[in-house]
Amino acid sequence: MGKETELKLSLPSVCLPALRAHPVFLAAEQLGEPKTLDNTYFDTSDLQLQAQHIALRTRQQGDVWLQTVKCASVSVGGLSQRPEWEKPYNGEFDFQDIELKSLRKKLQALQSHLQPVFTTIFTRETYFYKSDTDAEILLMVDQGDILAKGHQVPLCEVELELVSGSPQDLLQLAVELAETLPLLPSDVSKAERGYRLFRAEEESPAKMPPVVLDKRQPTLDAFKALAFACVAQWQANVKGAAVSNDAEFVHQLRISQRRLRALLRVFSPILNKSWVAHWSDVLAENARIFSDLRDLDVMCDEILPSVLLQAGAEEWPLQALQQLVASQRDQARLVLMDHPELQRQGLLILTLVFELHSLEQKSSVDQPLAIFAQLRIEKLLKRAKKSYREALKSQNEDSLHQLRIRLKPLRYALEFFMAVLPEKKTMKIYQSVVVAVRALGHINDHHVSRRVLTGLTASDPQYQVALAFLSGLQSAKLADQQKTALHSLSRLF
C-alpha cells in the first residue's frame, strides 16, 4: 500500500502560460514529454463503490495499463492523504495485493458487477522541484475533459505531490504560486467530478461539515479541527459565488467568514494576539466584498416577495421597485465576477491553511477542553446579557441590532462546543438563542432594506410611494419580532 500526499489546485486554462512562466516552474525540471492519460472509472450500476468512498480506475498511458484503487481521504485546502494500491492491468481486475481484508473482500464480491461509469482524458506535464528546504515535490499540470453519458466538462488542475518533506512544504509552495496566479485549492477529486457528471448533479452551496469534539481533545487541536471545517465551507462556495446565480453560495461563503471570526474570538486566550487580530481584520474585509450582492439577494429573494405577498397585486409601485432592485443585483453580480479580490480567495485560503498547520499554542498550560468551553460560553453569555438589558430598556432598532450582533458569536460557540458541554443545559440555551437570532434577523432585514434603498435613485414618485409602503409594513412586523426575541431571551437571562 502506498500513501499519496498531494495538493490539488484548480486554475483557469487561460492562465497556463503564466503558470509555466512562473519562477517555480522555470526552476523545476520537466520529466519527459507531456503524456496523454486515458482513465476509466468503474462501479456497480447503483454506484456502491462511490457510496463507500472507494475509487477504482484503469489508466492507459501509451502502451502501459494500470489498475488503481483509492480510498477516502480527508482533504482541507486541497491537501489530501489517502491510501492507494496500483498494479499492472491485463484486462481483468486483480485485488489480491490489497492488504486491507475488508476492502479486498468488498471489491472481490462486487467484481462481476463492475462496469465503466465515466472517463477522464487529459494531457499531463510533470515537473520535479526541489525547494529551499530540500523538499522534493512533483508538479503535475493536467488539462483535458471529464466525460460521462455523452456529456463532458473541462478539466484544468495543478497537482503538487510530495516525494519527500512535509505537507507544509506543499502548502508553502502553493502559497508562493498563488501570490501571482488565481489558483484555488480543490477538495473535489476528478473521480467525484466524474460521478457528479454521471448523475447530472450541479455544484451546490455547501454548509460547514460537522465536527464532533472530544472532551479529552487538546484545546488547540479542537480549534484546528473547527477552523479546517470553516475553511472547507469557505473553499466549497468560492467558485459558485463567482459564477452562479444561486444566492446561497454567497450566503454560505459569508457565513464561513463569520464563523471563522467567531472561532478566533472564542479561542483567543490560547492563540497569538497579533495573529488573531490580523486574521479577524482580513476575514472581515474579505466578507465585505460580497456584502453588496448579499444585501441585494436578501432584498430580491426574501424582503420584497414577502412584502408583495402582504400588499397584493394592486401595489404596482412595489413591483416596479422589485424590478429595479433585481436589475441592480444583476449588475452587482457582474461587478463581483470582475473584483480583483475574488481572484485572491485561493491565496487567502492556502495561507490560512498553511498557518493553521504550523500553529502553536500560546500558553504552555493546556486547559481541559470542557472547562475552557464552559468559561468561554459564560463570557459570551455575559456580553449578550448586557446587550439584552440595553435592548429591553430602550427597545429601539439600534439596540436590537446590537443584541443580534452579540448573540451570533454565542450561537456559533454553542454549536462548536455542543459535544463537550452538558447536553440538556446547553441545548436549552442554544434553543433560546436561535429563536432570538431568527426573530432579530427580521430587524436586520430592515437594516438591509435601508442600505439597499438608500443606494437607489428614488426621485420618481412611484418609488417614493413604494418606499413608504415598504417602511409601514416592516414597522408592524418588527414589533412582533422584537417581542418574540425578547421573550425568548427572558427565559435565559
Foldseek 3Di string as FASTA:
>chain_A
DDKWKKWKKFAPPVCVVVLCVDPQNVQWAWDDDKWKKKKWWKAFPVRPCVVQQKTWIWIDTPPFIKIKIWGDWDDFLRITMTDMDMDGDDPADDLVPDPPVVVSVVCVVCRVRMDTFKMWIWIKIWIWGQDPVRWIKIWIWTWGWIDGPHDIDTGTMIMIITPDDDSLVNLVVVLVSLVPGLIATDPQDPVNVNVCVSVVHDQDQDAQDDDFDDLQDFPLVLLLRNLSSLLVNLRSLLVCLQPPPPLVSLVSNLVSLVLNLLSCVLPVVFFDVVVNVVSNVVSVVLNVLSVVLNLLCCVQPPQLVVLCVVPDPVLVLSVVVSVVSVVVNVVSSVVSNPDPVSSCSSSVSSVVNSCSVVGDTPDPDTDRPLVSLVVSLVVLVVVLVVLLVVCVVPVDLVSLLVSLVSLVSSLSSLSSCCNSYDNPVSVLVNVLSVQLNVLSVLSVNVVSVVVSVVPDDQPPVSSVVNVVSSVVVSVVSNVVSSVRNSVSCVVVD
